[in-house]
Amino acid sequence: DVVIDTVGADIPDRSWQVLRRGGVFVTIAARLADDAGAKHGV
């Protein structure tokens, strides 16, 4: 349901596939594009 990233690097790109649709990705360590979640349904 939720991924929380405290690492950064390639973690966001690798995490999209483990989230269910409608899930939440929160990072304290990476910069995300404004639409990063939308194209993955999260």
PDB file of all heavy atoms in Angstrom:
ATOM      1  N   ASP A   1       0.821  -1.210   0.000  1.00  0.00           N
ATOM      2  CA  ASP A   1       0.000   0.000   0.000  1.00  0.00           C
ATOM      3  C   ASP A   1       0.853   1.259   0.000  1.00  0.00           C
ATOM      4  O   ASP A   1       0.482   2.272  -0.595  1.00  0.00           O
ATOM      5  CB  ASP A   1      -0.913   0.017   1.241  1.00  0.00           C
ATOM      6  CG  ASP A   1      -1.866  -1.150   1.241  1.00  0.00           C
ATOM      7  OD1 ASP A   1      -2.749  -1.187   0.369  1.00  0.00           O
ATOM      8  OD2 ASP A   1      -1.710  -2.048   2.096  1.00  0.00           O
ATOM      9  N   VAL A   2       1.997   1.186   0.690  1.00  0.00           N
ATOM     10  CA  VAL A   2       2.859   2.355   0.860  1.00  0.00           C
ATOM     11  C   VAL A   2       4.322   1.933   0.744  1.00  0.00           C
ATOM     12  O   VAL A   2       4.712   0.905   1.301  1.00  0.00           O
ATOM     13  CB  VAL A   2       2.644   3.021   2.250  1.00  0.00           C
ATOM     14  CG1 VAL A   2       3.588   4.203   2.452  1.00  0.00           C
ATOM     15  CG2 VAL A   2       1.191   3.444   2.443  1.00  0.00           C
ATOM     16  N   VAL A   3       5.107   2.738   0.044  1.00  0.00           N
ATOM     17  CA  VAL A   3       6.559   2.608   0.042  1.00  0.00           C
ATOM     18  C   VAL A   3       7.125   3.908   0.591  1.00  0.00           C
ATOM     19  O   VAL A   3       6.745   4.984   0.131  1.00  0.00           O
ATOM     20  CB  VAL A   3       7.131   2.359  -1.374  1.00  0.00           C
ATOM     21  CG1 VAL A   3       8.660   2.422  -1.356  1.00  0.00           C
ATOM     22  CG2 VAL A   3       6.651   1.024  -1.928  1.00  0.00           C
ATOM     23  N   ILE A   4       8.023   3.791   1.567  1.00  0.00           N
ATOM     24  CA  ILE A   4       8.723   4.967   2.072  1.00  0.00           C
ATOM     25  C   ILE A   4      10.208   4.768   1.800  1.00  0.00           C
ATOM     26  O   ILE A   4      10.812   3.796   2.246  1.00  0.00           O
ATOM     27  CB  ILE A   4       8.441   5.229   3.558  1.00  0.00           C
ATOM     28  CG1 ILE A   4       6.942   5.514   3.728  1.00  0.00           C
ATOM     29  CG2 ILE A   4       9.295   6.400   4.065  1.00  0.00           C
ATOM     30  CD1 ILE A   4       6.496   5.907   5.092  1.00  0.00           C
ATOM     31  N   ASP A   5      10.764   5.705   1.049  1.00  0.00           N
ATOM     32  CA  ASP A   5      12.147   5.643   0.578  1.00  0.00           C
ATOM     33  C   ASP A   5      13.020   6.597   1.371  1.00  0.00           C
ATOM     34  O   ASP A   5      12.828   7.803   1.312  1.00  0.00           O
ATOM     35  CB  ASP A   5      12.171   6.005  -0.913  1.00  0.00           C
ATOM     36  CG  ASP A   5      13.556   6.299  -1.434  1.00  0.00           C
ATOM     37  OD1 ASP A   5      14.531   5.710  -0.936  1.00  0.00           O
ATOM     38  OD2 ASP A   5      13.666   7.136  -2.347  1.00  0.00           O
ATOM     39  N   THR A   6      14.001   6.047   2.087  1.00  0.00           N
ATOM     40  CA  THR A   6      14.980   6.882   2.783  1.00  0.00           C
ATOM     41  C   THR A   6      16.352   6.760   2.136  1.00  0.00           C
ATOM     42  O   THR A   6      17.333   7.239   2.690  1.00  0.00           O
ATOM     43  CB  THR A   6      15.091   6.508   4.281  1.00  0.00           C
ATOM     44  OG1 THR A   6      15.750   5.250   4.412  1.00  0.00           O
ATOM     45  CG2 THR A   6      13.736   6.474   4.963  1.00  0.00           C
ATOM     46  N   VAL A   7      16.419   6.130   0.957  1.00  0.00           N
ATOM     47  CA  VAL A   7      17.691   5.827   0.306  1.00  0.00           C
ATOM     48  C   VAL A   7      17.942   6.670  -0.937  1.00  0.00           C
ATOM     49  O   VAL A   7      19.035   7.183  -1.148  1.00  0.00           O
ATOM     50  CB  VAL A   7      17.766   4.325  -0.054  1.00  0.00           C
ATOM     51  CG1 VAL A   7      19.048   4.000  -0.804  1.00  0.00           C
ATOM     52  CG2 VAL A   7      17.620   3.466   1.191  1.00  0.00           C
ATOM     53  N   GLY A   8      16.956   6.805  -1.807  1.00  0.00           N
ATOM     54  CA  GLY A   8      17.132   7.538  -3.067  1.00  0.00           C
ATOM     55  C   GLY A   8      17.745   6.664  -4.134  1.00  0.00           C
ATOM     56  O   GLY A   8      17.440   5.483  -4.236  1.00  0.00           O
ATOM     57  N   ALA A   9      18.633   7.252  -4.945  1.00  0.00           N
ATOM     58  CA  ALA A   9      19.286   6.572  -6.078  1.00  0.00           C
ATOM     59  C   ALA A   9      18.235   5.959  -6.997  1.00  0.00           C
ATOM     60  O   ALA A   9      17.337   6.664  -7.447  1.00  0.00           O
ATOM     61  CB  ALA A   9      20.304   5.562  -5.576  1.00  0.00           C
ATOM     62  N   ASP A  10      18.293   4.653  -7.254  1.00  0.00           N
ATOM     63  CA  ASP A  10      17.357   4.016  -8.183  1.00  0.00           C
ATOM     64  C   ASP A  10      16.119   3.446  -7.491  1.00  0.00           C
ATOM     65  O   ASP A  10      15.290   2.801  -8.129  1.00  0.00           O
ATOM     66  CB  ASP A  10      18.065   2.916  -8.982  1.00  0.00           C
ATOM     67  CG  ASP A  10      18.548   1.766  -8.103  1.00  0.00           C
ATOM     68  OD1 ASP A  10      18.578   1.907  -6.866  1.00  0.00           O
ATOM     69  OD2 ASP A  10      18.906   0.714  -8.673  1.00  0.00           O
ATOM     70  N   ILE A  11      15.980   3.676  -6.200  1.00  0.00           N
ATOM     71  CA  ILE A  11      14.862   3.112  -5.435  1.00  0.00           C
ATOM     72  C   ILE A  11      13.495   3.528  -5.994  1.00  0.00           C
ATOM     73  O   ILE A  11      12.623   2.669  -6.145  1.00  0.00           O
ATOM     74  CB  ILE A  11      14.981   3.451  -3.935  1.00  0.00           C
ATOM     75  CG1 ILE A  11      16.203   2.758  -3.334  1.00  0.00           C
ATOM     76  CG2 ILE A  11      13.709   3.098  -3.174  1.00  0.00           C
ATOM     77  CD1 ILE A  11      16.191   1.243  -3.367  1.00  0.00           C
ATOM     78  N   PRO A  12      13.262   4.803  -6.342  1.00  0.00           N
ATOM     79  CA  PRO A  12      11.941   5.125  -6.898  1.00  0.00           C
ATOM     80  C   PRO A  12      11.619   4.308  -8.151  1.00  0.00           C
ATOM     81  O   PRO A  12      10.542   3.697  -8.227  1.00  0.00           O
ATOM     82  CB  PRO A  12      12.026   6.623  -7.205  1.00  0.00           C
ATOM     83  CG  PRO A  12      13.039   7.129  -6.230  1.00  0.00           C
ATOM     84  CD  PRO A  12      14.053   6.020  -6.120  1.00  0.00           C
ATOM     85  N   ASP A  13      12.517   4.249  -9.092  1.00  0.00           N
ATOM     86  CA  ASP A  13      12.259   3.519 -10.332  1.00  0.00           C
ATOM     87  C   ASP A  13      11.988   2.042 -10.080  1.00  0.00           C
ATOM     88  O   ASP A  13      11.171   1.434 -10.764  1.00  0.00           O
ATOM     89  CB  ASP A  13      13.438   3.661 -11.302  1.00  0.00           C
ATOM     90  CG  ASP A  13      13.550   5.065 -11.856  1.00  0.00           C
ATOM     91  OD1 ASP A  13      12.526   5.782 -11.906  1.00  0.00           O
ATOM     92  OD2 ASP A  13      14.669   5.459 -12.239  1.00  0.00           O
ATOM     93  N   ARG A  14      12.637   1.472  -9.117  1.00  0.00           N
ATOM     94  CA  ARG A  14      12.450   0.053  -8.808  1.00  0.00           C
ATOM     95  C   ARG A  14      11.213  -0.198  -7.950  1.00  0.00           C
ATOM     96  O   ARG A  14      10.741  -1.336  -7.863  1.00  0.00           O
ATOM     97  CB  ARG A  14      13.695  -0.484  -8.110  1.00  0.00           C
ATOM     98  CG  ARG A  14      14.918  -0.476  -9.012  1.00  0.00           C
ATOM     99  CD  ARG A  14      16.192  -0.802  -8.257  1.00  0.00           C
ATOM    100  NE  ARG A  14      16.097  -2.063  -7.545  1.00  0.00           N
ATOM    101  CZ  ARG A  14      16.786  -2.334  -6.442  1.00  0.00           C
ATOM    102  NH1 ARG A  14      17.618  -1.440  -5.925  1.00  0.00           N
ATOM    103  NH2 ARG A  14      16.658  -3.503  -5.850  1.00  0.00           N
ATOM    104  N   SER A  15      10.692   0.844  -7.303  1.00  0.00           N
ATOM    105  CA  SER A  15       9.573   0.672  -6.370  1.00  0.00           C
ATOM    106  C   SER A  15       8.195   0.715  -7.018  1.00  0.00           C
ATOM    107  O   SER A  15       7.237   0.187  -6.456  1.00  0.00           O
ATOM    108  CB  SER A  15       9.631   1.737  -5.269  1.00  0.00           C
ATOM    109  OG  SER A  15      10.752   1.537  -4.449  1.00  0.00           O
ATOM    110  N   TRP A  16       8.068   1.338  -8.165  1.00  0.00           N
ATOM    111  CA  TRP A  16       6.735   1.490  -8.766  1.00  0.00           C
ATOM    112  C   TRP A  16       6.033   0.146  -8.913  1.00  0.00           C
ATOM    113  O   TRP A  16       4.831   0.034  -8.657  1.00  0.00           O
ATOM    114  CB  TRP A  16       6.816   2.177 -10.127  1.00  0.00           C
ATOM    115  CG  TRP A  16       7.474   3.514 -10.115  1.00  0.00           C
ATOM    116  CD1 TRP A  16       8.538   3.907 -10.868  1.00  0.00           C
ATOM    117  CD2 TRP A  16       7.122   4.667  -9.322  1.00  0.00           C
ATOM    118  NE1 TRP A  16       8.880   5.211 -10.596  1.00  0.00           N
ATOM    119  CE2 TRP A  16       8.015   5.705  -9.646  1.00  0.00           C
ATOM    120  CE3 TRP A  16       6.140   4.903  -8.367  1.00  0.00           C
ATOM    121  CZ2 TRP A  16       7.962   6.960  -9.051  1.00  0.00           C
ATOM    122  CZ3 TRP A  16       6.090   6.161  -7.762  1.00  0.00           C
ATOM    123  CH2 TRP A  16       6.987   7.171  -8.112  1.00  0.00           C
ATOM    124  N   GLN A  17       6.784  -0.860  -9.328  1.00  0.00           N
ATOM    125  CA  GLN A  17       6.172  -2.157  -9.617  1.00  0.00           C
ATOM    126  C   GLN A  17       5.707  -2.923  -8.382  1.00  0.00           C
ATOM    127  O   GLN A  17       4.934  -3.872  -8.506  1.00  0.00           O
ATOM    128  CB  GLN A  17       7.129  -3.010 -10.437  1.00  0.00           C
ATOM    129  CG  GLN A  17       8.433  -3.317  -9.731  1.00  0.00           C
ATOM    130  CD  GLN A  17       9.466  -3.902 -10.655  1.00  0.00           C
ATOM    131  OE1 GLN A  17       9.214  -4.929 -11.267  1.00  0.00           O
ATOM    132  NE2 GLN A  17      10.607  -3.261 -10.773  1.00  0.00           N
ATOM    133  N   VAL A  18       6.146  -2.537  -7.193  1.00  0.00           N
ATOM    134  CA  VAL A  18       5.724  -3.268  -5.991  1.00  0.00           C
ATOM    135  C   VAL A  18       4.484  -2.646  -5.347  1.00  0.00           C
ATOM    136  O   VAL A  18       3.871  -3.254  -4.473  1.00  0.00           O
ATOM    137  CB  VAL A  18       6.861  -3.392  -4.954  1.00  0.00           C
ATOM    138  CG1 VAL A  18       8.098  -4.009  -5.581  1.00  0.00           C
ATOM    139  CG2 VAL A  18       7.174  -2.081  -4.281  1.00  0.00           C
ATOM    140  N   LEU A  19       4.122  -1.446  -5.786  1.00  0.00           N
ATOM    141  CA  LEU A  19       2.942  -0.760  -5.233  1.00  0.00           C
ATOM    142  C   LEU A  19       1.658  -1.226  -5.915  1.00  0.00           C
ATOM    143  O   LEU A  19       1.627  -1.405  -7.130  1.00  0.00           O
ATOM    144  CB  LEU A  19       3.067   0.753  -5.438  1.00  0.00           C
ATOM    145  CG  LEU A  19       3.877   1.503  -4.405  1.00  0.00           C
ATOM    146  CD1 LEU A  19       4.347   2.837  -4.967  1.00  0.00           C
ATOM    147  CD2 LEU A  19       3.072   1.699  -3.134  1.00  0.00           C
ATOM    148  N   ARG A  20       0.611  -1.374  -5.130  1.00  0.00           N
ATOM    149  CA  ARG A  20      -0.702  -1.658  -5.715  1.00  0.00           C
ATOM    150  C   ARG A  20      -1.228  -0.381  -6.359  1.00  0.00           C
ATOM    151  O   ARG A  20      -0.802   0.721  -5.989  1.00  0.00           O
ATOM    152  CB  ARG A  20      -1.667  -2.162  -4.651  1.00  0.00           C
ATOM    153  CG  ARG A  20      -2.010  -1.104  -3.610  1.00  0.00           C
ATOM    154  CD  ARG A  20      -3.242  -1.478  -2.804  1.00  0.00           C
ATOM    155  NE  ARG A  20      -3.520  -0.466  -1.818  1.00  0.00           N
ATOM    156  CZ  ARG A  20      -4.099   0.719  -2.063  1.00  0.00           C
ATOM    157  NH1 ARG A  20      -4.444   1.055  -3.283  1.00  0.00           N
ATOM    158  NH2 ARG A  20      -4.316   1.588  -1.090  1.00  0.00           N
ATOM    159  N   ARG A  21      -2.134  -0.500  -7.300  1.00  0.00           N
ATOM    160  CA  ARG A  21      -2.759   0.691  -7.891  1.00  0.00           C
ATOM    161  C   ARG A  21      -3.435   1.483  -6.781  1.00  0.00           C
ATOM    162  O   ARG A  21      -4.081   0.913  -5.916  1.00  0.00           O
ATOM    163  CB  ARG A  21      -3.776   0.300  -8.955  1.00  0.00           C
ATOM    164  CG  ARG A  21      -3.126   0.050 -10.288  1.00  0.00           C
ATOM    165  CD  ARG A  21      -4.110   0.017 -11.426  1.00  0.00           C
ATOM    166  NE  ARG A  21      -4.472   1.254 -12.080  1.00  0.00           N
ATOM    167  CZ  ARG A  21      -3.655   2.107 -12.684  1.00  0.00           C
ATOM    168  NH1 ARG A  21      -2.376   1.910 -12.653  1.00  0.00           N
ATOM    169  NH2 ARG A  21      -4.129   3.166 -13.309  1.00  0.00           N
ATOM    170  N   GLY A  22      -3.248   2.781  -6.796  1.00  0.00           N
ATOM    171  CA  GLY A  22      -3.806   3.625  -5.745  1.00  0.00           C
ATOM    172  C   GLY A  22      -2.918   3.733  -4.523  1.00  0.00           C
ATOM    173  O   GLY A  22      -3.269   4.407  -3.561  1.00  0.00           O
ATOM    174  N   GLY A  23      -1.760   3.077  -4.546  1.00  0.00           N
ATOM    175  CA  GLY A  23      -0.837   3.124  -3.423  1.00  0.00           C
ATOM    176  C   GLY A  23      -0.142   4.474  -3.305  1.00  0.00           C
ATOM    177  O   GLY A  23      -0.396   5.404  -4.088  1.00  0.00           O
ATOM    178  N   VAL A  24       0.743   4.569  -2.333  1.00  0.00           N
ATOM    179  CA  VAL A  24       1.427   5.830  -2.033  1.00  0.00           C
ATOM    180  C   VAL A  24       2.932   5.591  -1.980  1.00  0.00           C
ATOM    181  O   VAL A  24       3.396   4.653  -1.308  1.00  0.00           O
ATOM    182  CB  VAL A  24       0.961   6.415  -0.680  1.00  0.00           C
ATOM    183  CG1 VAL A  24       1.709   7.699  -0.356  1.00  0.00           C
ATOM    184  CG2 VAL A  24      -0.541   6.638  -0.679  1.00  0.00           C
ATOM    185  N   PHE A  25       3.688   6.445  -2.667  1.00  0.00           N
ATOM    186  CA  PHE A  25       5.152   6.428  -2.616  1.00  0.00           C
ATOM    187  C   PHE A  25       5.601   7.747  -2.017  1.00  0.00           C
ATOM    188  O   PHE A  25       5.249   8.814  -2.514  1.00  0.00           O
ATOM    189  CB  PHE A  25       5.747   6.264  -4.020  1.00  0.00           C
ATOM    190  CG  PHE A  25       7.247   6.257  -4.025  1.00  0.00           C
ATOM    191  CD1 PHE A  25       7.948   5.085  -3.795  1.00  0.00           C
ATOM    192  CD2 PHE A  25       7.958   7.423  -4.239  1.00  0.00           C
ATOM    193  CE1 PHE A  25       9.340   5.076  -3.780  1.00  0.00           C
ATOM    194  CE2 PHE A  25       9.348   7.431  -4.230  1.00  0.00           C
ATOM    195  CZ  PHE A  25      10.036   6.255  -3.997  1.00  0.00           C
ATOM    196  N   VAL A  26       6.381   7.672  -0.931  1.00  0.00           N
ATOM    197  CA  VAL A  26       6.918   8.856  -0.271  1.00  0.00           C
ATOM    198  C   VAL A  26       8.432   8.722  -0.219  1.00  0.00           C
ATOM    199  O   VAL A  26       8.948   7.702   0.235  1.00  0.00           O
ATOM    200  CB  VAL A  26       6.365   9.020   1.167  1.00  0.00           C
ATOM    201  CG1 VAL A  26       6.965  10.245   1.834  1.00  0.00           C
ATOM    202  CG2 VAL A  26       4.845   9.106   1.163  1.00  0.00           C
ATOM    203  N   THR A  27       9.134   9.753  -0.674  1.00  0.00           N
ATOM    204  CA  THR A  27      10.586   9.733  -0.597  1.00  0.00           C
ATOM    205  C   THR A  27      11.102  10.931   0.171  1.00  0.00           C
ATOM    206  O   THR A  27      10.590  12.039   0.025  1.00  0.00           O
ATOM    207  CB  THR A  27      11.253   9.685  -1.996  1.00  0.00           C
ATOM    208  OG1 THR A  27      12.673   9.598  -1.819  1.00  0.00           O
ATOM    209  CG2 THR A  27      10.908  10.891  -2.843  1.00  0.00           C
ATOM    210  N   ILE A  28      12.106  10.667   0.995  1.00  0.00           N
ATOM    211  CA  ILE A  28      12.807  11.758   1.670  1.00  0.00           C
ATOM    212  C   ILE A  28      14.189  11.931   1.063  1.00  0.00           C
ATOM    213  O   ILE A  28      14.949  12.786   1.494  1.00  0.00           O
ATOM    214  CB  ILE A  28      12.921  11.519   3.185  1.00  0.00           C
ATOM    215  CG1 ILE A  28      13.795  10.306   3.472  1.00  0.00           C
ATOM    216  CG2 ILE A  28      11.558  11.384   3.824  1.00  0.00           C
ATOM    217  CD1 ILE A  28      14.319  10.250   4.870  1.00  0.00           C
ATOM    218  N   ALA A  29      14.508  11.084   0.052  1.00  0.00           N
ATOM    219  CA  ALA A  29      15.873  11.035  -0.442  1.00  0.00           C
ATOM    220  C   ALA A  29      16.028  11.259  -1.940  1.00  0.00           C
ATOM    221  O   ALA A  29      17.138  11.267  -2.443  1.00  0.00           O
ATOM    222  CB  ALA A  29      16.486   9.683  -0.078  1.00  0.00           C
ATOM    223  N   ALA A  30      14.930  11.426  -2.656  1.00  0.00           N
ATOM    224  CA  ALA A  30      15.017  11.569  -4.111  1.00  0.00           C
ATOM    225  C   ALA A  30      14.118  12.711  -4.569  1.00  0.00           C
ATOM    226  O   ALA A  30      13.200  13.117  -3.864  1.00  0.00           O
ATOM    227  CB  ALA A  30      14.602  10.270  -4.799  1.00  0.00           C
ATOM    228  N   ARG A  31      14.399  13.199  -5.749  1.00  0.00           N
ATOM    229  CA  ARG A  31      13.525  14.190  -6.378  1.00  0.00           C
ATOM    230  C   ARG A  31      12.652  13.460  -7.381  1.00  0.00           C
ATOM    231  O   ARG A  31      13.138  12.627  -8.138  1.00  0.00           O
ATOM    232  CB  ARG A  31      14.339  15.254  -7.093  1.00  0.00           C
ATOM    233  CG  ARG A  31      15.102  16.143  -6.148  1.00  0.00           C
ATOM    234  CD  ARG A  31      15.621  17.369  -6.894  1.00  0.00           C
ATOM    235  NE  ARG A  31      16.410  18.196  -6.033  1.00  0.00           N
ATOM    236  CZ  ARG A  31      15.913  19.202  -5.311  1.00  0.00           C
ATOM    237  NH1 ARG A  31      14.635  19.476  -5.378  1.00  0.00           N
ATOM    238  NH2 ARG A  31      16.701  19.924  -4.545  1.00  0.00           N
ATOM    239  N   LEU A  32      11.380  13.787  -7.368  1.00  0.00           N
ATOM    240  CA  LEU A  32      10.443  13.144  -8.265  1.00  0.00           C
ATOM    241  C   LEU A  32       9.881  14.152  -9.251  1.00  0.00           C
ATOM    242  O   LEU A  32       9.645  15.305  -8.892  1.00  0.00           O
ATOM    243  CB  LEU A  32       9.273  12.547  -7.479  1.00  0.00           C
ATOM    244  CG  LEU A  32       9.600  11.474  -6.445  1.00  0.00           C
ATOM    245  CD1 LEU A  32       8.350  11.117  -5.662  1.00  0.00           C
ATOM    246  CD2 LEU A  32      10.174  10.243  -7.121  1.00  0.00           C
ATOM    247  N   ALA A  33       9.613  13.690 -10.464  1.00  0.00           N
ATOM    248  CA  ALA A  33       8.886  14.519 -11.419  1.00  0.00           C
ATOM    249  C   ALA A  33       7.468  14.701 -10.892  1.00  0.00           C
ATOM    250  O   ALA A  33       6.942  13.847 -10.166  1.00  0.00           O
ATOM    251  CB  ALA A  33       8.859  13.833 -12.785  1.00  0.00           C
ATOM    252  N   ASP A  34       6.843  15.814 -11.242  1.00  0.00           N
ATOM    253  CA  ASP A  34       5.493  16.097 -10.753  1.00  0.00           C
ATOM    254  C   ASP A  34       4.503  14.986 -11.082  1.00  0.00           C
ATOM    255  O   ASP A  34       3.585  14.724 -10.322  1.00  0.00           O
ATOM    256  CB  ASP A  34       4.985  17.421 -11.327  1.00  0.00           C
ATOM    257  CG  ASP A  34       5.729  18.619 -10.756  1.00  0.00           C
ATOM    258  OD1 ASP A  34       6.354  18.484  -9.683  1.00  0.00           O
ATOM    259  OD2 ASP A  34       5.685  19.692 -11.392  1.00  0.00           O
ATOM    260  N   ASP A  35       4.685  14.329 -12.211  1.00  0.00           N
ATOM    261  CA  ASP A  35       3.744  13.293 -12.634  1.00  0.00           C
ATOM    262  C   ASP A  35       4.271  11.877 -12.380  1.00  0.00           C
ATOM    263  O   ASP A  35       3.728  10.908 -12.907  1.00  0.00           O
ATOM    264  CB  ASP A  35       3.420  13.451 -14.110  1.00  0.00           C
ATOM    265  CG  ASP A  35       4.643  13.236 -14.996  1.00  0.00           C
ATOM    266  OD1 ASP A  35       5.783  13.248 -14.476  1.00  0.00           O
ATOM    267  OD2 ASP A  35       4.460  13.037 -16.211  1.00  0.00           O
ATOM    268  N   ALA A  36       5.300  11.733 -11.568  1.00  0.00           N
ATOM    269  CA  ALA A  36       5.939  10.429 -11.363  1.00  0.00           C
ATOM    270  C   ALA A  36       4.949   9.358 -10.940  1.00  0.00           C
ATOM    271  O   ALA A  36       4.984   8.244 -11.449  1.00  0.00           O
ATOM    272  CB  ALA A  36       7.063  10.546 -10.334  1.00  0.00           C
ATOM    273  N   GLY A  37       4.082   9.664 -10.030  1.00  0.00           N
ATOM    274  CA  GLY A  37       3.131   8.663  -9.556  1.00  0.00           C
ATOM    275  C   GLY A  37       2.003   8.397 -10.526  1.00  0.00           C
ATOM    276  O   GLY A  37       1.551   7.260 -10.666  1.00  0.00           O
ATOM    277  N   ALA A  38       1.545   9.437 -11.206  1.00  0.00           N
ATOM    278  CA  ALA A  38       0.381   9.308 -12.087  1.00  0.00           C
ATOM    279  C   ALA A  38       0.571   8.244 -13.156  1.00  0.00           C
ATOM    280  O   ALA A  38      -0.331   7.448 -13.420  1.00  0.00           O
ATOM    281  CB  ALA A  38       0.063  10.655 -12.737  1.00  0.00           C
ATOM    282  N   LYS A  39       1.732   8.200 -13.742  1.00  0.00           N
ATOM    283  CA  LYS A  39       1.929   7.221 -14.811  1.00  0.00           C
ATOM    284  C   LYS A  39       2.044   5.794 -14.289  1.00  0.00           C
ATOM    285  O   LYS A  39       2.035   4.849 -15.067  1.00  0.00           O
ATOM    286  CB  LYS A  39       3.126   7.603 -15.681  1.00  0.00           C
ATOM    287  CG  LYS A  39       4.440   7.740 -14.991  1.00  0.00           C
ATOM    288  CD  LYS A  39       5.484   8.251 -15.989  1.00  0.00           C
ATOM    289  CE  LYS A  39       6.751   8.687 -15.276  1.00  0.00           C
ATOM    290  NZ  LYS A  39       7.721   9.253 -16.195  1.00  0.00           N
ATOM    291  N   HIS A  40       2.089   5.645 -12.965  1.00  0.00           N
ATOM    292  CA  HIS A  40       2.135   4.307 -12.361  1.00  0.00           C
ATOM    293  C   HIS A  40       0.861   4.005 -11.562  1.00  0.00           C
ATOM    294  O   HIS A  40       0.788   2.960 -10.911  1.00  0.00           O
ATOM    295  CB  HIS A  40       3.355   4.192 -11.452  1.00  0.00           C
ATOM    296  CG  HIS A  40       4.638   4.411 -12.178  1.00  0.00           C
ATOM    297  ND1 HIS A  40       5.195   3.479 -13.024  1.00  0.00           N
ATOM    298  CD2 HIS A  40       5.456   5.485 -12.218  1.00  0.00           C
ATOM    299  CE1 HIS A  40       6.301   3.959 -13.541  1.00  0.00           C
ATOM    300  NE2 HIS A  40       6.492   5.173 -13.075  1.00  0.00           N
ATOM    301  N   GLY A  41      -0.089   4.915 -11.590  1.00  0.00           N
ATOM    302  CA  GLY A  41      -1.342   4.698 -10.881  1.00  0.00           C
ATOM    303  C   GLY A  41      -1.244   4.820  -9.374  1.00  0.00           C
ATOM    304  O   GLY A  41      -2.038   4.216  -8.649  1.00  0.00           O
ATOM    305  N   VAL A  42      -0.266   5.606  -8.904  1.00  0.00           N
ATOM    306  CA  VAL A  42      -0.088   5.805  -7.465  1.00  0.00           C
ATOM    307  C   VAL A  42       0.097   7.287  -7.166  1.00  0.00           C
ATOM    308  O   VAL A  42       0.372   8.080  -8.062  1.00  0.00           O
ATOM    309  CB  VAL A  42       1.138   5.010  -6.932  1.00  0.00           C
ATOM    310  CG1 VAL A  42       0.980   3.526  -7.192  1.00  0.00           C
ATOM    311  CG2 VAL A  42       2.441   5.522  -7.518  1.00  0.00           C
TER     312      VAL A  42
END
